[in-house]
Amino acid sequence: MKIVGINHLGLAAKDPVKARWFLAEVLKLPFLGEELVKEQKTNTIMFESSVGPTASGARLEIVANQDGEEGPIKKFIDTKGGGIHHMALSVDNLDEALVELKAKGIELIDEKPRYGAHNSRIAFIHPRATGGILIELVQATAGHG
């Protein structure tokens, strides 16, 4: 398995509208788009984490429940409050990464890749296997990240 780098940090905001305003208007981070991932009942709001020629490529993703739906983000905020929800790592080959992790006995939430925001393929590693950190593996498709 080859980790290419940090893809994004998923931020569970108690007030996603205010968080979006802060990242866009106060920090002036470039807005990359918003997408509802219905399968996960999650709305994603993606920003670059830096500006200029030294931009790292890592992004900040505000995650919020789909309006009117009970889902994983509401549960997280209700039990832990707002904060970092997950760390997403880019991998070169998600299928191979999952095979390798399973062979090492690592507990996975997703045994097979699923659709993620921005036309990506994703899979989550269970926090019990990582010391309590929810890790998302992301494989970008051509033209997306």
N, C-alpha and C. Protein backbone atom coordinates (compact mmCIF):
# COMPACT_ATOMS: atom_id res chain seq x y z
N MET A 1 0.85 -1.17 0.00
CA MET A 1 0.00 0.00 0.00
C MET A 1 0.90 1.23 0.00
N LYS A 2 0.57 2.16 -0.85
CA LYS A 2 1.34 3.41 -0.90
C LYS A 2 0.43 4.57 -0.52
N ILE A 3 0.79 5.24 0.58
CA ILE A 3 0.08 6.46 0.99
C ILE A 3 0.69 7.61 0.21
N VAL A 4 -0.14 8.32 -0.53
CA VAL A 4 0.33 9.42 -1.37
C VAL A 4 0.42 10.71 -0.57
N GLY A 5 -0.42 10.86 0.45
CA GLY A 5 -0.41 12.06 1.29
C GLY A 5 -1.75 12.25 1.96
N ILE A 6 -1.86 13.33 2.71
CA ILE A 6 -3.15 13.66 3.32
C ILE A 6 -4.06 14.21 2.24
N ASN A 7 -5.22 13.62 2.11
CA ASN A 7 -6.21 14.10 1.15
C ASN A 7 -7.00 15.24 1.76
N HIS A 8 -7.53 15.02 2.97
CA HIS A 8 -8.27 16.07 3.66
C HIS A 8 -8.48 15.70 5.12
N LEU A 9 -8.85 16.70 5.90
CA LEU A 9 -9.32 16.50 7.27
C LEU A 9 -10.82 16.77 7.26
N GLY A 10 -11.60 15.83 7.77
CA GLY A 10 -13.05 16.01 7.86
C GLY A 10 -13.39 16.70 9.16
N LEU A 11 -14.05 17.83 9.07
CA LEU A 11 -14.34 18.66 10.24
C LEU A 11 -15.84 18.63 10.53
N ALA A 12 -16.22 18.08 11.66
CA ALA A 12 -17.63 18.06 12.08
C ALA A 12 -17.91 19.35 12.83
N ALA A 13 -18.63 20.24 12.19
CA ALA A 13 -18.91 21.56 12.77
C ALA A 13 -20.29 21.56 13.39
N LYS A 14 -20.40 22.09 14.60
CA LYS A 14 -21.71 22.25 15.22
C LYS A 14 -22.58 23.19 14.40
N ASP A 15 -21.93 24.19 13.77
CA ASP A 15 -22.63 25.16 12.91
C ASP A 15 -21.91 25.19 11.57
N PRO A 16 -22.28 24.31 10.62
CA PRO A 16 -21.57 24.24 9.35
C PRO A 16 -21.67 25.52 8.52
N VAL A 17 -22.74 26.28 8.66
CA VAL A 17 -22.87 27.53 7.92
C VAL A 17 -21.81 28.53 8.41
N LYS A 18 -21.67 28.63 9.72
CA LYS A 18 -20.66 29.54 10.27
C LYS A 18 -19.25 29.05 9.93
N ALA A 19 -19.02 27.73 9.99
CA ALA A 19 -17.70 27.19 9.65
C ALA A 19 -17.35 27.50 8.19
N ARG A 20 -18.33 27.34 7.31
CA ARG A 20 -18.10 27.66 5.89
C ARG A 20 -17.75 29.14 5.74
N TRP A 21 -18.52 30.00 6.38
CA TRP A 21 -18.25 31.44 6.33
C TRP A 21 -16.84 31.73 6.82
N PHE A 22 -16.44 31.13 7.93
CA PHE A 22 -15.12 31.39 8.51
C PHE A 22 -14.00 30.99 7.54
N LEU A 23 -14.09 29.79 6.98
CA LEU A 23 -13.05 29.34 6.06
C LEU A 23 -12.99 30.20 4.80
N ALA A 24 -14.17 30.57 4.29
CA ALA A 24 -14.22 31.34 3.04
C ALA A 24 -13.93 32.83 3.24
N GLU A 25 -14.59 33.44 4.21
CA GLU A 25 -14.53 34.90 4.34
C GLU A 25 -13.41 35.39 5.25
N VAL A 26 -13.14 34.68 6.30
CA VAL A 26 -12.10 35.12 7.24
C VAL A 26 -10.73 34.60 6.81
N LEU A 27 -10.64 33.30 6.57
CA LEU A 27 -9.34 32.72 6.17
C LEU A 27 -9.07 32.84 4.68
N LYS A 28 -10.10 33.15 3.89
CA LYS A 28 -9.98 33.33 2.44
C LYS A 28 -9.45 32.08 1.73
N LEU A 29 -9.83 30.90 2.24
CA LEU A 29 -9.40 29.66 1.60
C LEU A 29 -10.25 29.40 0.36
N PRO A 30 -9.65 28.91 -0.70
CA PRO A 30 -10.41 28.65 -1.93
C PRO A 30 -11.46 27.56 -1.73
N PHE A 31 -12.69 27.87 -2.12
CA PHE A 31 -13.81 26.94 -2.05
C PHE A 31 -13.74 26.00 -3.25
N LEU A 32 -13.83 24.71 -3.00
CA LEU A 32 -13.72 23.72 -4.07
C LEU A 32 -15.06 23.12 -4.47
N GLY A 33 -16.04 23.22 -3.62
CA GLY A 33 -17.34 22.68 -3.99
C GLY A 33 -18.07 22.06 -2.82
N GLU A 34 -19.34 21.84 -3.04
CA GLU A 34 -20.22 21.23 -2.04
C GLU A 34 -20.93 20.07 -2.71
N GLU A 35 -21.07 18.98 -1.97
CA GLU A 35 -21.71 17.81 -2.55
C GLU A 35 -22.42 17.02 -1.47
N LEU A 36 -23.63 16.57 -1.79
CA LEU A 36 -24.38 15.70 -0.90
C LEU A 36 -24.08 14.26 -1.29
N VAL A 37 -23.57 13.48 -0.33
CA VAL A 37 -23.33 12.05 -0.53
C VAL A 37 -24.51 11.33 0.14
N LYS A 38 -25.55 11.08 -0.64
CA LYS A 38 -26.81 10.55 -0.10
C LYS A 38 -26.62 9.23 0.62
N GLU A 39 -25.76 8.35 0.07
CA GLU A 39 -25.53 7.04 0.68
C GLU A 39 -25.07 7.18 2.13
N GLN A 40 -24.31 8.24 2.43
CA GLN A 40 -23.79 8.46 3.78
C GLN A 40 -24.60 9.51 4.54
N LYS A 41 -25.65 10.04 3.92
CA LYS A 41 -26.47 11.09 4.52
C LYS A 41 -25.62 12.25 5.00
N THR A 42 -24.61 12.60 4.17
CA THR A 42 -23.63 13.60 4.57
C THR A 42 -23.43 14.63 3.46
N ASN A 43 -23.46 15.90 3.85
CA ASN A 43 -23.13 16.98 2.94
C ASN A 43 -21.67 17.35 3.17
N THR A 44 -20.91 17.48 2.10
CA THR A 44 -19.50 17.84 2.21
C THR A 44 -19.27 19.21 1.59
N ILE A 45 -18.48 20.02 2.26
CA ILE A 45 -18.14 21.37 1.80
C ILE A 45 -16.62 21.43 1.82
N MET A 46 -15.99 21.45 0.64
CA MET A 46 -14.54 21.28 0.54
C MET A 46 -13.83 22.60 0.23
N PHE A 47 -12.72 22.80 0.96
CA PHE A 47 -11.86 23.97 0.78
C PHE A 47 -10.41 23.52 0.64
N GLU A 48 -9.62 24.28 -0.10
CA GLU A 48 -8.17 24.10 -0.07
C GLU A 48 -7.70 24.49 1.33
N SER A 49 -6.62 23.88 1.81
CA SER A 49 -6.13 24.22 3.14
C SER A 49 -5.11 25.35 3.11
N SER A 50 -4.69 25.75 1.94
CA SER A 50 -3.72 26.84 1.82
C SER A 50 -3.91 27.53 0.48
N VAL A 51 -3.24 28.66 0.34
CA VAL A 51 -3.36 29.48 -0.86
C VAL A 51 -1.97 29.76 -1.41
N GLY A 52 -1.86 29.80 -2.72
CA GLY A 52 -0.60 30.21 -3.33
C GLY A 52 0.23 29.06 -3.86
N PRO A 53 1.43 29.38 -4.32
CA PRO A 53 2.27 28.38 -4.97
C PRO A 53 2.77 27.29 -4.03
N THR A 54 2.73 27.52 -2.72
CA THR A 54 3.21 26.50 -1.78
C THR A 54 2.06 25.65 -1.24
N ALA A 55 0.90 25.74 -1.87
CA ALA A 55 -0.26 24.97 -1.41
C ALA A 55 0.09 23.49 -1.33
N SER A 56 -0.30 22.87 -0.22
CA SER A 56 0.09 21.48 0.04
C SER A 56 -0.75 20.46 -0.69
N GLY A 57 -1.93 20.82 -1.12
CA GLY A 57 -2.82 19.86 -1.74
C GLY A 57 -3.80 19.27 -0.75
N ALA A 58 -3.46 19.27 0.54
CA ALA A 58 -4.40 18.78 1.56
C ALA A 58 -5.56 19.75 1.65
N ARG A 59 -6.73 19.22 1.92
CA ARG A 59 -7.93 20.06 1.95
C ARG A 59 -8.62 19.96 3.29
N LEU A 60 -9.56 20.86 3.52
CA LEU A 60 -10.40 20.86 4.70
C LEU A 60 -11.82 20.61 4.23
N GLU A 61 -12.49 19.65 4.84
CA GLU A 61 -13.84 19.27 4.44
C GLU A 61 -14.78 19.43 5.63
N ILE A 62 -15.72 20.36 5.53
CA ILE A 62 -16.76 20.48 6.54
C ILE A 62 -17.78 19.41 6.23
N VAL A 63 -18.10 18.58 7.22
CA VAL A 63 -19.10 17.53 7.02
C VAL A 63 -20.30 17.82 7.90
N ALA A 64 -21.48 17.66 7.33
CA ALA A 64 -22.73 17.90 8.05
C ALA A 64 -23.74 16.88 7.59
N ASN A 65 -24.69 16.56 8.47
CA ASN A 65 -25.74 15.63 8.07
C ASN A 65 -26.58 16.22 6.96
N GLN A 66 -27.09 15.33 6.12
CA GLN A 66 -28.07 15.72 5.13
C GLN A 66 -29.26 16.32 5.88
N ASP A 67 -29.77 17.44 5.38
CA ASP A 67 -30.89 18.12 6.06
C ASP A 67 -32.02 17.14 6.36
N GLY A 68 -32.48 17.17 7.61
CA GLY A 68 -33.61 16.37 8.03
C GLY A 68 -33.31 14.90 8.24
N GLU A 69 -32.07 14.50 8.17
CA GLU A 69 -31.70 13.09 8.30
C GLU A 69 -30.86 12.86 9.56
N GLU A 70 -31.08 11.72 10.19
CA GLU A 70 -30.20 11.27 11.26
C GLU A 70 -29.04 10.57 10.57
N GLY A 71 -27.83 10.83 10.99
CA GLY A 71 -26.71 10.20 10.33
C GLY A 71 -25.46 10.23 11.18
N PRO A 72 -24.35 9.79 10.60
CA PRO A 72 -23.13 9.64 11.38
C PRO A 72 -22.56 10.96 11.91
N ILE A 73 -22.75 12.04 11.21
CA ILE A 73 -22.16 13.31 11.67
C ILE A 73 -22.94 13.84 12.88
N LYS A 74 -24.26 13.76 12.84
CA LYS A 74 -25.06 14.19 13.99
C LYS A 74 -24.71 13.36 15.22
N LYS A 75 -24.57 12.05 15.03
CA LYS A 75 -24.20 11.17 16.14
C LYS A 75 -22.85 11.58 16.73
N PHE A 76 -21.87 11.88 15.86
CA PHE A 76 -20.55 12.30 16.31
C PHE A 76 -20.64 13.59 17.13
N ILE A 77 -21.35 14.58 16.61
CA ILE A 77 -21.47 15.87 17.31
C ILE A 77 -22.22 15.71 18.63
N ASP A 78 -23.27 14.89 18.62
CA ASP A 78 -24.05 14.67 19.85
C ASP A 78 -23.20 14.03 20.95
N THR A 79 -22.28 13.14 20.59
CA THR A 79 -21.48 12.44 21.60
C THR A 79 -20.15 13.11 21.89
N LYS A 80 -19.54 13.74 20.89
CA LYS A 80 -18.20 14.29 21.07
C LYS A 80 -18.09 15.79 20.87
N GLY A 81 -19.15 16.41 20.38
CA GLY A 81 -19.07 17.82 20.05
C GLY A 81 -18.41 18.00 18.69
N GLY A 82 -18.19 19.23 18.29
CA GLY A 82 -17.54 19.49 17.01
C GLY A 82 -16.06 19.20 17.09
N GLY A 83 -15.44 19.08 15.96
CA GLY A 83 -13.99 18.85 15.91
C GLY A 83 -13.60 18.03 14.71
N ILE A 84 -12.39 17.49 14.76
CA ILE A 84 -11.93 16.66 13.66
C ILE A 84 -12.67 15.34 13.71
N HIS A 85 -13.36 15.03 12.65
CA HIS A 85 -14.14 13.79 12.55
C HIS A 85 -13.29 12.65 12.01
N HIS A 86 -12.51 12.93 10.95
CA HIS A 86 -11.69 11.89 10.35
C HIS A 86 -10.50 12.50 9.61
N MET A 87 -9.50 11.65 9.38
CA MET A 87 -8.36 12.02 8.57
C MET A 87 -8.43 11.16 7.31
N ALA A 88 -8.34 11.79 6.16
CA ALA A 88 -8.39 11.05 4.90
C ALA A 88 -7.00 11.03 4.27
N LEU A 89 -6.57 9.84 3.92
CA LEU A 89 -5.27 9.65 3.28
C LEU A 89 -5.48 9.20 1.85
N SER A 90 -4.77 9.80 0.93
CA SER A 90 -4.82 9.37 -0.46
C SER A 90 -3.96 8.13 -0.63
N VAL A 91 -4.48 7.15 -1.37
CA VAL A 91 -3.72 5.94 -1.69
C VAL A 91 -3.68 5.79 -3.20
N ASP A 92 -2.64 5.10 -3.66
CA ASP A 92 -2.50 4.91 -5.11
C ASP A 92 -3.45 3.85 -5.64
N ASN A 93 -3.78 2.84 -4.82
CA ASN A 93 -4.67 1.77 -5.27
C ASN A 93 -5.49 1.30 -4.07
N LEU A 94 -6.74 1.71 -4.01
CA LEU A 94 -7.60 1.41 -2.87
C LEU A 94 -7.88 -0.08 -2.73
N ASP A 95 -8.11 -0.76 -3.83
CA ASP A 95 -8.40 -2.19 -3.76
C ASP A 95 -7.23 -2.95 -3.14
N GLU A 96 -6.01 -2.65 -3.58
CA GLU A 96 -4.83 -3.30 -3.02
C GLU A 96 -4.63 -2.94 -1.55
N ALA A 97 -4.91 -1.69 -1.20
CA ALA A 97 -4.76 -1.26 0.19
C ALA A 97 -5.70 -2.06 1.10
N LEU A 98 -6.94 -2.27 0.67
CA LEU A 98 -7.89 -3.02 1.49
C LEU A 98 -7.49 -4.48 1.62
N VAL A 99 -6.98 -5.08 0.56
CA VAL A 99 -6.50 -6.46 0.63
C VAL A 99 -5.35 -6.56 1.63
N GLU A 100 -4.42 -5.62 1.55
CA GLU A 100 -3.27 -5.62 2.46
C GLU A 100 -3.70 -5.44 3.92
N LEU A 101 -4.61 -4.51 4.16
CA LEU A 101 -5.07 -4.27 5.53
C LEU A 101 -5.80 -5.49 6.08
N LYS A 102 -6.66 -6.12 5.27
CA LYS A 102 -7.36 -7.33 5.71
C LYS A 102 -6.37 -8.44 6.03
N ALA A 103 -5.33 -8.58 5.19
CA ALA A 103 -4.31 -9.62 5.42
C ALA A 103 -3.57 -9.38 6.73
N LYS A 104 -3.48 -8.13 7.16
CA LYS A 104 -2.81 -7.79 8.42
C LYS A 104 -3.77 -7.84 9.61
N GLY A 105 -5.02 -8.23 9.35
CA GLY A 105 -6.00 -8.35 10.43
C GLY A 105 -6.56 -7.02 10.89
N ILE A 106 -6.49 -5.99 10.08
CA ILE A 106 -6.98 -4.66 10.44
C ILE A 106 -8.50 -4.62 10.23
N GLU A 107 -9.23 -4.17 11.26
CA GLU A 107 -10.68 -4.08 11.17
C GLU A 107 -11.08 -2.90 10.28
N LEU A 108 -11.93 -3.20 9.33
CA LEU A 108 -12.39 -2.19 8.37
C LEU A 108 -13.88 -1.93 8.56
N ILE A 109 -14.29 -0.71 8.33
CA ILE A 109 -15.71 -0.39 8.24
C ILE A 109 -16.19 -0.80 6.85
N ASP A 110 -15.39 -0.50 5.85
CA ASP A 110 -15.72 -0.82 4.46
C ASP A 110 -14.76 -1.88 3.95
N GLU A 111 -15.28 -3.07 3.69
CA GLU A 111 -14.45 -4.15 3.14
C GLU A 111 -14.24 -3.96 1.64
N LYS A 112 -15.14 -3.18 1.01
CA LYS A 112 -15.04 -2.89 -0.43
C LYS A 112 -15.16 -1.38 -0.59
N PRO A 113 -14.51 -0.81 -1.61
CA PRO A 113 -14.63 0.63 -1.84
C PRO A 113 -16.07 1.03 -2.12
N ARG A 114 -16.38 2.27 -1.76
CA ARG A 114 -17.68 2.84 -2.08
C ARG A 114 -17.48 4.22 -2.67
N TYR A 115 -18.54 4.80 -3.17
CA TYR A 115 -18.50 6.12 -3.77
C TYR A 115 -18.33 7.18 -2.69
N GLY A 116 -17.46 8.15 -2.94
CA GLY A 116 -17.27 9.28 -2.05
C GLY A 116 -17.49 10.59 -2.79
N ALA A 117 -17.35 11.68 -2.09
CA ALA A 117 -17.52 13.00 -2.69
C ALA A 117 -16.47 13.23 -3.77
N HIS A 118 -16.79 14.10 -4.69
CA HIS A 118 -15.87 14.53 -5.75
C HIS A 118 -15.43 13.36 -6.62
N ASN A 119 -16.35 12.45 -6.85
CA ASN A 119 -16.13 11.32 -7.76
C ASN A 119 -14.94 10.46 -7.35
N SER A 120 -14.78 10.26 -6.06
CA SER A 120 -13.68 9.45 -5.55
C SER A 120 -14.20 8.10 -5.07
N ARG A 121 -13.26 7.19 -4.85
CA ARG A 121 -13.56 5.89 -4.24
C ARG A 121 -12.97 5.95 -2.84
N ILE A 122 -13.74 5.48 -1.85
CA ILE A 122 -13.31 5.61 -0.46
C ILE A 122 -13.56 4.31 0.31
N ALA A 123 -12.88 4.19 1.43
CA ALA A 123 -13.15 3.13 2.41
C ALA A 123 -12.63 3.62 3.75
N PHE A 124 -13.34 3.26 4.82
CA PHE A 124 -12.96 3.67 6.17
C PHE A 124 -12.35 2.51 6.94
N ILE A 125 -11.32 2.82 7.71
CA ILE A 125 -10.71 1.88 8.65
C ILE A 125 -11.38 2.13 10.00
N HIS A 126 -11.72 1.06 10.70
CA HIS A 126 -12.43 1.21 11.98
C HIS A 126 -11.50 1.84 13.03
N PRO A 127 -12.01 2.79 13.82
CA PRO A 127 -11.19 3.41 14.86
C PRO A 127 -10.62 2.43 15.89
N ARG A 128 -11.27 1.28 16.09
CA ARG A 128 -10.73 0.29 17.02
C ARG A 128 -9.36 -0.23 16.55
N ALA A 129 -9.11 -0.17 15.25
CA ALA A 129 -7.85 -0.67 14.71
C ALA A 129 -6.75 0.37 14.71
N THR A 130 -7.10 1.62 15.00
CA THR A 130 -6.13 2.72 14.85
C THR A 130 -5.85 3.47 16.15
N GLY A 131 -6.36 2.99 17.25
CA GLY A 131 -6.19 3.72 18.50
C GLY A 131 -7.21 4.82 18.68
N GLY A 132 -8.32 4.75 17.95
CA GLY A 132 -9.39 5.73 18.14
C GLY A 132 -9.51 6.78 17.06
N ILE A 133 -8.72 6.68 15.99
CA ILE A 133 -8.78 7.66 14.90
C ILE A 133 -9.55 7.05 13.73
N LEU A 134 -10.58 7.75 13.26
CA LEU A 134 -11.30 7.32 12.07
C LEU A 134 -10.47 7.73 10.86
N ILE A 135 -10.04 6.75 10.08
CA ILE A 135 -9.21 7.03 8.89
C ILE A 135 -9.97 6.61 7.64
N GLU A 136 -10.02 7.53 6.71
CA GLU A 136 -10.64 7.29 5.41
C GLU A 136 -9.51 7.14 4.39
N LEU A 137 -9.58 6.12 3.58
CA LEU A 137 -8.66 5.97 2.45
C LEU A 137 -9.37 6.45 1.20
N VAL A 138 -8.69 7.25 0.39
CA VAL A 138 -9.31 7.87 -0.78
C VAL A 138 -8.46 7.57 -2.00
N GLN A 139 -9.13 7.12 -3.06
CA GLN A 139 -8.47 7.00 -4.36
C GLN A 139 -9.21 7.93 -5.31
N ALA A 140 -8.51 8.93 -5.76
CA ALA A 140 -9.10 9.89 -6.69
C ALA A 140 -9.27 9.23 -8.05
N THR A 141 -10.28 9.66 -8.78
CA THR A 141 -10.43 9.22 -10.15
C THR A 141 -9.83 10.28 -11.06
N ALA A 142 -9.64 9.96 -12.30
CA ALA A 142 -8.99 10.89 -13.23
C ALA A 142 -9.68 12.26 -13.19
N GLY A 143 -8.88 13.28 -12.99
CA GLY A 143 -9.39 14.64 -12.99
C GLY A 143 -10.01 15.09 -11.68
N HIS A 144 -10.03 14.22 -10.69
CA HIS A 144 -10.62 14.56 -9.39
C HIS A 144 -9.66 14.19 -8.28
N GLY A 145 -9.90 14.76 -7.10
CA GLY A 145 -9.03 14.44 -5.99
C GLY A 145 -9.75 14.52 -4.72
